[in-house]
C-alpha atoms as a PDB file:
ATOM      1  CA  MET A   1      -0.992  -4.938 -15.492  1.00  0.00           C
ATOM      2  CA  THR A   2      -0.132  -1.825 -15.075  1.00  0.00           C
ATOM      3  CA  LEU A   3       2.630  -1.141 -11.907  1.00  0.00           C
ATOM      4  CA  LEU A   4       2.663   1.536  -9.944  1.00  0.00           C
ATOM      5  CA  THR A   5       5.854   3.069  -8.743  1.00  0.00           C
ATOM      6  CA  LEU A   6       6.996   3.889  -4.629  1.00  0.00           C
ATOM      7  CA  ASP A   7       7.111   7.358  -5.657  1.00  0.00           C
ATOM      8  CA  GLU A   8       3.122   7.062  -7.094  1.00  0.00           C
ATOM      9  CA  VAL A   9       2.214   4.504  -4.415  1.00  0.00           C
ATOM     10  CA  ALA A  10       3.491   7.490  -1.758  1.00  0.00           C
ATOM     11  CA  ALA A  11       1.991   9.678  -3.552  1.00  0.00           C
ATOM     12  CA  ILE A  12      -1.716   7.996  -3.805  1.00  0.00           C
ATOM     13  CA  THR A  13      -2.060   6.644  -0.253  1.00  0.00           C
ATOM     14  CA  GLY A  14      -0.946  10.024   1.327  1.00  0.00           C
ATOM     15  CA  LEU A  15       2.370   7.610   2.671  1.00  0.00           C
ATOM     16  CA  SER A  16       5.822   8.398   2.714  1.00  0.00           C
ATOM     17  CA  GLN A  17       8.206   5.983   1.106  1.00  0.00           C
ATOM     18  CA  SER A  18       9.142   5.123   4.858  1.00  0.00           C
ATOM     19  CA  THR A  19       5.566   3.988   5.738  1.00  0.00           C
ATOM     20  CA  LEU A  20       5.430   2.092   2.822  1.00  0.00           C
ATOM     21  CA  ALA A  21       8.599   0.562   3.377  1.00  0.00           C
ATOM     22  CA  LYS A  22       7.254  -0.408   7.372  1.00  0.00           C
ATOM     23  CA  LYS A  23       4.002  -1.739   6.006  1.00  0.00           C
ATOM     24  CA  ARG A  24       6.505  -3.701   3.804  1.00  0.00           C
ATOM     25  CA  MET A  25       8.221  -5.297   6.598  1.00  0.00           C
ATOM     26  CA  ALA A  26       5.640  -5.446   8.841  1.00  0.00           C
ATOM     27  CA  GLY A  27       3.611  -7.479   6.370  1.00  0.00           C
ATOM     28  CA  THR A  28       0.128  -4.995   6.866  1.00  0.00           C
ATOM     29  CA  GLY A  29       0.826  -2.727   3.179  1.00  0.00           C
ATOM     30  CA  PRO A  30      -0.401  -3.415  -0.126  1.00  0.00           C
ATOM     31  CA  ALA A  31       1.301  -6.541  -1.729  1.00  0.00           C
ATOM     32  CA  PHE A  32       3.980  -5.415  -3.214  1.00  0.00           C
ATOM     33  CA  PHE A  33       7.309  -6.822  -6.426  1.00  0.00           C
ATOM     34  CA  LYS A  34      10.435  -6.997  -6.134  1.00  0.00           C
ATOM     35  CA  LEU A  35      12.060  -6.794  -8.607  1.00  0.00           C
ATOM     36  CA  GLY A  36      16.351  -6.256  -8.255  1.00  0.00           C
ATOM     37  CA  ARG A  37      16.324  -2.663  -6.214  1.00  0.00           C
ATOM     38  CA  THR A  38      12.891  -2.604  -7.539  1.00  0.00           C
ATOM     39  CA  ILE A  39       9.385  -2.222  -5.905  1.00  0.00           C
ATOM     40  CA  LYS A  40       6.737  -2.179  -7.424  1.00  0.00           C
ATOM     41  CA  TYR A  41       2.964  -2.242  -7.236  1.00  0.00           C
ATOM     42  CA  ALA A  42       0.218  -2.940  -9.251  1.00  0.00           C
ATOM     43  CA  ALA A  43      -2.234  -0.716  -9.918  1.00  0.00           C
ATOM     44  CA  GLN A  44      -4.520  -3.178  -8.760  1.00  0.00           C
ATOM     45  CA  ASP A  45      -3.373  -4.319  -5.628  1.00  0.00           C
ATOM     46  CA  VAL A  46      -3.216  -0.685  -4.405  1.00  0.00           C
ATOM     47  CA  ASP A  47      -6.706  -0.554  -4.313  1.00  0.00           C
ATOM     48  CA  ALA A  48      -7.253  -3.627  -3.229  1.00  0.00           C
ATOM     49  CA  TRP A  49      -5.252  -2.763  -0.262  1.00  0.00           C
ATOM     50  CA  LEU A  50      -7.615   0.968   0.417  1.00  0.00           C
ATOM     51  CA  LEU A  51     -10.328  -0.431  -0.544  1.00  0.00           C
ATOM     52  CA  SER A  52      -9.677  -2.539   3.151  1.00  0.00           C
ATOM     53  CA  ARG A  53      -8.920   0.701   4.897  1.00  0.00           C
ATOM     54  CA  ARG A  54     -12.773   1.845   4.343  1.00  0.00           C
ATOM     55  CA  ARG A  55     -14.092   2.993   6.901  1.00  0.00           C
ATOM     56  CA  THR A  56     -17.943   3.840   7.685  1.00  0.00           C
ATOM     57  CA  SER A  57     -17.429   5.695  11.350  1.00  0.00           C
ATOM     58  CA  THR A  58     -15.001   6.637  13.160  1.00  0.00           C
ATOM     59  CA  TRP A  59     -14.713   3.543  16.323  1.00  0.00           C
ATOM     60  CA  GLN A  60     -14.179   1.015  14.363  1.00  0.00           C
ATOM     61  CA  PRO A  61     -11.143  -0.369  14.492  1.00  0.00           C
ATOM     62  CA  ALA A  62      -8.076  -0.048  11.742  1.00  0.00           C
ATOM     63  CA  ASN A  63      -8.042  -3.758   9.385  1.00  0.00           C
ATOM     64  CA  GLU A  64      -4.149  -3.944   9.394  1.00  0.00           C
ATOM     65  CA  LEU A  65      -4.465  -6.526   6.191  1.00  0.00           C
END
């Protein structure tokens, strides 16, 4: 399993660390691990979350998984 840092996930998703923190609190972002004070994300969880956000048109509502 490949674990990504918060900086890496922010770069991949284009979201700020602050937005990722808000999504963690709300449970709407990718699944994550909390190892002590460190947040890590499994690469496959980030990929799955990104794919869940995929759209074919602009009128579809966002899926807040």
